[in-house]
Amino acid sequence: YTRYAAGGFGLVWMEATAVLNEARSNPGQLYIHKDNVGLYRDLVAAMRRAAKDAFGRDIVIVIQLTHSGRYSKPTGVPKPIIAHRSPILDPLHSLPPDYPVVTDDYLDRLQDTYVEAARLAAQAGVDGVDIKSCHRYLVSELHASFTREGRYGGSFENRTRLIRETLMRIRKEVPDVFVTTRMSAFDAIA
């Protein structure tokens, strides 16, 4: 990321940073938490220094916060966290018919986790946070959870609850960063 900053980019988007260890798609995936926020602060400072040294100007830094959901492999072994049963995707991931679906309580707590991760990102000095909502990761999969029961499934309002409420909460509770999302415009399985 420091090389991007030194290379003249005015915007550096740090991708796929997990908000929980269990949300990582591999053991080496970036993961922001209270014990490493200082390392992120050092990285952001180094990026800003590199941009100033090379071009005499600052850059905009965004960190994408994610939960890998169905693609979670925090130790290198698949540990899917799924939003709904899928007759197409479940067999691809070797999930049995009784594989558990993530609970509404977990998703309620996940909102808190995203807000805390955004707060840590602000402490690290980034300008914005992106709540990843694409590529069938957990937030994106919720958007397709027509058959899911409860507060996070069925209706459009329910299926978009996590992203809407999380974005609003970050905007209100972490005013030092702007908030955005990368959202799939079209989601189909071929």
Protein backbone atom coordinates (compact mmCIF):
# COMPACT_ATOMS: atom_id res chain seq x y z
CA TYR A 1 0.00 0.00 0.00
CA THR A 2 2.90 2.35 0.65
CA ARG A 3 4.12 1.72 -2.91
CA TYR A 4 0.69 2.71 -4.23
CA ALA A 5 0.88 5.92 -2.23
CA ALA A 6 4.39 6.65 -3.51
CA GLY A 7 3.29 5.82 -7.06
CA GLY A 8 1.02 8.81 -7.38
CA PHE A 9 -2.37 7.34 -6.65
CA GLY A 10 -4.66 9.89 -5.06
CA LEU A 11 -6.90 7.20 -3.59
CA VAL A 12 -5.74 3.97 -1.97
CA TRP A 13 -8.44 1.42 -1.15
CA MET A 14 -7.21 -1.19 1.32
CA GLU A 15 -9.26 -4.25 0.45
CA ALA A 16 -10.82 -7.13 2.35
CA THR A 17 -9.92 -6.40 5.96
CA ALA A 18 -11.78 -8.82 8.22
CA VAL A 19 -13.75 -7.54 11.21
CA LEU A 20 -13.47 -10.84 13.13
CA ASN A 21 -10.93 -13.65 13.07
CA GLU A 22 -13.68 -16.11 12.07
CA ALA A 23 -14.56 -13.79 9.17
CA ARG A 24 -11.19 -14.26 7.42
CA SER A 25 -11.06 -16.07 4.08
CA ASN A 26 -7.52 -17.29 4.83
CA PRO A 27 -5.05 -17.12 7.75
CA GLY A 28 -3.08 -14.32 6.07
CA GLN A 29 -6.01 -12.02 5.39
CA LEU A 30 -5.83 -8.58 6.95
CA TYR A 31 -7.83 -8.28 10.17
CA ILE A 32 -8.23 -5.09 12.20
CA HIS A 33 -8.75 -5.38 15.96
CA LYS A 34 -7.88 -3.50 19.14
CA ASP A 35 -4.53 -5.28 19.55
CA ASN A 36 -3.18 -4.28 16.13
CA VAL A 37 -4.70 -0.84 15.49
CA GLY A 38 -1.26 0.67 16.16
CA LEU A 39 0.17 -1.28 13.23
CA TYR A 40 -2.58 0.11 11.01
CA ARG A 41 -1.82 3.62 12.32
CA ASP A 42 1.85 3.10 11.36
CA LEU A 43 0.87 1.86 7.89
CA VAL A 44 -1.47 4.81 7.26
CA ALA A 45 1.23 7.25 8.43
CA ALA A 46 3.78 5.57 6.14
CA MET A 47 1.37 5.80 3.20
CA ARG A 48 0.73 9.50 3.82
CA ARG A 49 4.48 10.15 4.20
CA ALA A 50 5.22 8.30 0.95
CA ALA A 51 2.65 10.36 -0.95
CA LYS A 52 3.96 13.64 0.50
CA ASP A 53 7.58 12.72 -0.20
CA ALA A 54 6.88 11.65 -3.78
CA PHE A 55 4.29 14.23 -4.83
CA GLY A 56 3.99 16.83 -2.07
CA ARG A 57 0.36 16.00 -1.39
CA ASP A 58 -1.82 13.84 0.80
CA ILE A 59 -3.96 10.92 -0.35
CA VAL A 60 -7.39 9.57 0.49
CA ILE A 61 -7.27 6.19 2.25
CA VAL A 62 -10.25 3.85 2.47
CA ILE A 63 -10.26 0.50 4.26
CA GLN A 64 -12.73 -2.17 3.18
CA LEU A 65 -14.23 -4.05 6.12
CA THR A 66 -15.49 -7.55 5.41
CA HIS A 67 -16.93 -10.78 6.69
CA SER A 68 -16.17 -13.70 4.36
CA GLY A 69 -19.27 -15.61 5.40
CA ARG A 70 -19.64 -18.72 3.25
CA TYR A 71 -15.96 -18.35 2.25
CA SER A 72 -14.55 -18.14 5.80
CA LYS A 73 -11.34 -20.14 6.30
CA PRO A 74 -9.58 -18.44 9.22
CA THR A 75 -7.15 -21.33 9.81
CA GLY A 76 -6.98 -22.49 6.19
CA VAL A 77 -9.79 -25.02 6.72
CA PRO A 78 -13.28 -24.03 5.50
CA LYS A 79 -15.57 -22.83 8.32
CA PRO A 80 -18.49 -21.37 6.37
CA ILE A 81 -20.88 -18.96 8.00
CA ILE A 82 -23.94 -18.92 5.77
CA ALA A 83 -26.92 -16.57 5.60
CA HIS A 84 -29.33 -19.03 3.98
CA ARG A 85 -29.60 -22.51 2.49
CA SER A 86 -28.66 -22.57 -1.20
CA PRO A 87 -29.37 -25.59 -3.40
CA ILE A 88 -26.59 -24.40 -5.73
CA LEU A 89 -23.89 -23.09 -3.38
CA ASP A 90 -24.27 -25.54 -0.48
CA PRO A 91 -23.18 -28.57 -2.55
CA LEU A 92 -20.23 -26.58 -3.96
CA HIS A 93 -19.05 -26.07 -0.37
CA SER A 94 -19.90 -29.65 0.68
CA LEU A 95 -22.44 -28.41 3.22
CA PRO A 96 -24.91 -31.00 4.52
CA PRO A 97 -28.65 -30.18 4.54
CA ASP A 98 -28.56 -29.55 8.30
CA TYR A 99 -25.59 -27.12 8.21
CA PRO A 100 -26.49 -24.21 10.54
CA VAL A 101 -27.50 -20.82 9.20
CA VAL A 102 -26.09 -17.79 11.01
CA THR A 103 -28.48 -16.50 13.66
CA ASP A 104 -30.17 -13.11 13.83
CA ASP A 105 -28.45 -12.56 17.20
CA TYR A 106 -25.04 -13.09 15.56
CA LEU A 107 -25.97 -10.58 12.84
CA ASP A 108 -27.14 -8.06 15.47
CA ARG A 109 -23.77 -8.36 17.22
CA LEU A 110 -21.99 -8.15 13.84
CA GLN A 111 -23.34 -4.62 13.44
CA ASP A 112 -21.54 -3.71 16.67
CA THR A 113 -18.40 -5.38 15.35
CA TYR A 114 -18.46 -3.38 12.13
CA VAL A 115 -18.96 -0.15 14.07
CA GLU A 116 -16.01 -1.01 16.32
CA ALA A 117 -13.83 -1.87 13.32
CA ALA A 118 -14.76 1.49 11.75
CA ARG A 119 -13.85 3.20 15.03
CA LEU A 120 -10.46 1.45 14.99
CA ALA A 121 -9.95 2.42 11.35
CA ALA A 122 -10.64 6.06 12.28
CA GLN A 123 -8.08 5.76 15.11
CA ALA A 124 -5.62 4.45 12.53
CA GLY A 125 -6.18 7.59 10.47
CA VAL A 126 -8.04 6.38 7.39
CA ASP A 127 -10.45 8.73 5.67
CA GLY A 128 -13.23 6.25 4.94
CA VAL A 129 -14.52 2.73 5.45
CA ASP A 130 -16.13 0.48 2.85
CA ILE A 131 -18.54 -2.15 4.12
CA LYS A 132 -18.01 -4.96 1.60
CA SER A 133 -21.33 -6.04 0.16
CA CYS A 134 -20.41 -7.98 -2.96
CA HIS A 135 -19.12 -11.30 -4.34
CA ARG A 136 -21.44 -13.42 -2.16
CA TYR A 137 -19.59 -12.65 1.05
CA LEU A 138 -21.85 -12.51 4.12
CA VAL A 139 -23.42 -9.06 3.70
CA SER A 140 -23.98 -9.70 -0.01
CA GLU A 141 -25.41 -13.16 0.65
CA LEU A 142 -27.97 -11.61 3.00
CA HIS A 143 -29.28 -9.56 0.06
CA ALA A 144 -30.22 -12.86 -1.65
CA SER A 145 -31.73 -14.43 1.47
CA PHE A 146 -35.31 -14.59 0.19
CA THR A 147 -35.93 -17.92 1.96
CA ARG A 148 -34.35 -16.88 5.27
CA GLU A 149 -36.70 -16.41 8.21
CA GLY A 150 -36.39 -13.68 10.82
CA ARG A 151 -35.18 -10.06 10.89
CA TYR A 152 -32.55 -10.58 8.18
CA GLY A 153 -34.47 -12.52 5.56
CA GLY A 154 -37.46 -12.55 3.26
CA SER A 155 -38.50 -8.96 2.53
CA PHE A 156 -36.22 -6.42 0.86
CA GLU A 157 -36.23 -4.40 4.07
CA ASN A 158 -35.06 -7.38 6.10
CA ARG A 159 -32.49 -8.59 3.54
CA THR A 160 -30.88 -5.13 3.47
CA ARG A 161 -31.17 -4.54 7.23
CA LEU A 162 -27.54 -5.34 8.08
CA ILE A 163 -26.02 -3.05 5.46
CA ARG A 164 -28.48 -0.19 6.01
CA GLU A 165 -28.28 -0.20 9.79
CA THR A 166 -24.52 -0.68 9.84
CA LEU A 167 -23.91 2.19 7.40
CA MET A 168 -26.21 4.49 9.39
CA ARG A 169 -24.62 3.56 12.70
CA ILE A 170 -21.08 4.13 11.44
CA ARG A 171 -22.09 7.48 9.99
CA LYS A 172 -23.57 8.50 13.34
CA GLU A 173 -21.13 6.85 15.77
CA VAL A 174 -17.85 7.30 13.86
CA PRO A 175 -18.13 10.77 12.30
CA ASP A 176 -14.38 10.98 11.61
CA VAL A 177 -14.66 8.68 8.57
CA PHE A 178 -16.90 8.68 5.55
CA VAL A 179 -18.71 5.44 4.85
CA THR A 180 -19.29 3.69 1.56
CA THR A 181 -19.99 0.23 0.23
CA ARG A 182 -19.00 -1.85 -2.74
CA MET A 183 -22.22 -3.55 -3.72
CA SER A 184 -22.88 -6.06 -6.48
CA ALA A 185 -25.14 -4.48 -9.09
CA PHE A 186 -26.12 -7.92 -10.36
CA ASP A 187 -25.84 -11.27 -8.62
CA ALA A 188 -26.53 -14.48 -10.47
CA ILE A 189 -25.27 -18.02 -10.33
CA ALA A 190 -24.59 -19.57 -13.71
